[in-house]
Amino acid sequence: MSHNVRMAPAYDFKLALTRVIEPTGGPGAKLATLEDAARFVGLMRPWRQARPHWDFAADLLLKAAQTKEESDIEMATAQMERALRVEGWL
C-alpha cells in the first residue's frame, strides 16, 4: 500500500543573510541569519509588524528559508534593510 503524503516544506532559518545587518534601534542586535531577522520582526509589537514593509520582509524571510536560494536570501536581506531604514533604525 502506498501513501501519497505531502510533507510540509522544510524551512532552514539557520542560513546566513547575504550580509550582516546592525540595526541602531528596535528589539534586537546584530542580524546575521534568517533566524535572527525573523526573531527581530517577531519581537516587534503587532501594530509595527503589520506595517507593509515588515509584512513584506516576513514573507521574504519565509520564502528564503523555504527555497534556500541565494537570490531569495538577498531579497530578504535587502527588504530587512529597507524596512529598518523606514523606521530610522539603520
Protein backbone atom coordinates (compact mmCIF):
# COMPACT_ATOMS: atom_id res chain seq x y z
CA MET A 1 0.00 0.00 0.00
CA SER A 2 1.48 3.35 -0.95
CA HIS A 3 0.54 6.60 0.65
CA ASN A 4 0.95 9.85 -1.15
CA VAL A 5 1.53 12.01 1.92
CA ARG A 6 2.54 15.54 1.24
CA MET A 7 5.20 16.72 3.65
CA ALA A 8 5.34 20.30 4.83
CA PRO A 9 8.19 22.24 3.25
CA ALA A 10 11.43 22.22 5.22
CA TYR A 11 12.44 25.67 6.36
CA ASP A 12 16.09 26.46 7.13
CA PHE A 13 16.29 29.62 9.23
CA LYS A 14 19.95 28.93 10.10
CA LEU A 15 21.01 30.22 6.66
CA ALA A 16 23.15 33.35 6.71
CA LEU A 17 21.85 36.63 5.35
CA THR A 18 23.89 37.89 2.41
CA ARG A 19 25.43 40.46 4.77
CA VAL A 20 25.26 41.18 8.49
CA ILE A 21 22.84 43.93 9.44
CA GLU A 22 23.38 46.01 12.59
CA PRO A 23 20.20 47.93 13.45
CA THR A 24 20.53 51.05 15.57
CA GLY A 25 17.09 50.53 17.11
CA GLY A 26 14.30 48.03 17.55
CA PRO A 27 14.12 44.77 19.50
CA GLY A 28 17.49 43.26 18.78
CA ALA A 29 21.14 43.44 17.94
CA LYS A 30 23.18 42.12 15.02
CA LEU A 31 21.23 40.21 12.35
CA ALA A 32 23.37 37.51 10.72
CA THR A 33 20.89 34.74 9.83
CA LEU A 34 17.32 34.36 8.62
CA GLU A 35 16.53 33.25 12.17
CA ASP A 36 17.97 36.47 13.65
CA ALA A 37 15.92 38.56 11.21
CA ALA A 38 12.71 36.56 11.81
CA ARG A 39 13.16 36.83 15.58
CA PHE A 40 13.73 40.61 15.24
CA VAL A 41 10.43 41.00 13.36
CA GLY A 42 8.65 38.60 15.73
CA LEU A 43 9.64 40.61 18.81
CA MET A 44 8.03 43.79 17.48
CA ARG A 45 4.66 44.98 18.67
CA PRO A 46 1.84 43.67 16.43
CA TRP A 47 0.94 47.14 15.14
CA ARG A 48 4.51 47.57 13.89
CA GLN A 49 4.71 44.04 12.43
CA ALA A 50 1.58 44.81 10.42
CA ARG A 51 3.24 47.69 8.57
CA PRO A 52 3.63 46.78 4.89
CA HIS A 53 7.45 46.94 4.89
CA TRP A 54 7.70 44.49 7.82
CA ASP A 55 4.94 42.25 6.48
CA PHE A 56 6.79 42.01 3.16
CA ALA A 57 10.09 41.35 4.96
CA ALA A 58 8.47 38.47 6.89
CA ASP A 59 7.10 36.98 3.66
CA LEU A 60 10.53 37.15 2.02
CA LEU A 61 12.24 35.61 5.07
CA LEU A 62 9.84 32.66 4.91
CA LYS A 63 10.39 32.26 1.18
CA ALA A 64 14.18 32.36 1.59
CA ALA A 65 14.08 29.79 4.41
CA GLN A 66 11.97 27.52 2.24
CA THR A 67 13.76 27.79 -1.12
CA LYS A 68 17.28 28.26 0.29
CA GLU A 69 18.10 30.15 -2.94
CA GLU A 70 20.80 32.82 -2.76
CA SER A 71 18.62 35.24 -4.75
CA ASP A 72 15.74 34.83 -2.27
CA ILE A 73 18.10 35.31 0.68
CA GLU A 74 19.40 38.51 -0.94
CA MET A 75 15.84 39.77 -1.49
CA ALA A 76 15.02 39.11 2.19
CA THR A 77 18.24 40.79 3.34
CA ALA A 78 17.59 43.85 1.17
CA GLN A 79 13.98 44.14 2.39
CA MET A 80 15.12 43.94 6.02
CA GLU A 81 17.49 46.83 5.30
CA ARG A 82 14.72 48.84 3.59
CA ALA A 83 12.31 48.24 6.48
CA LEU A 84 14.95 49.25 9.01
CA ARG A 85 15.63 52.46 7.07
CA VAL A 86 11.91 53.29 7.02
CA GLU A 87 11.92 53.02 10.84
CA GLY A 88 15.13 55.06 11.13
CA TRP A 89 16.91 52.04 12.58
CA LEU A 90 19.71 51.71 10.01
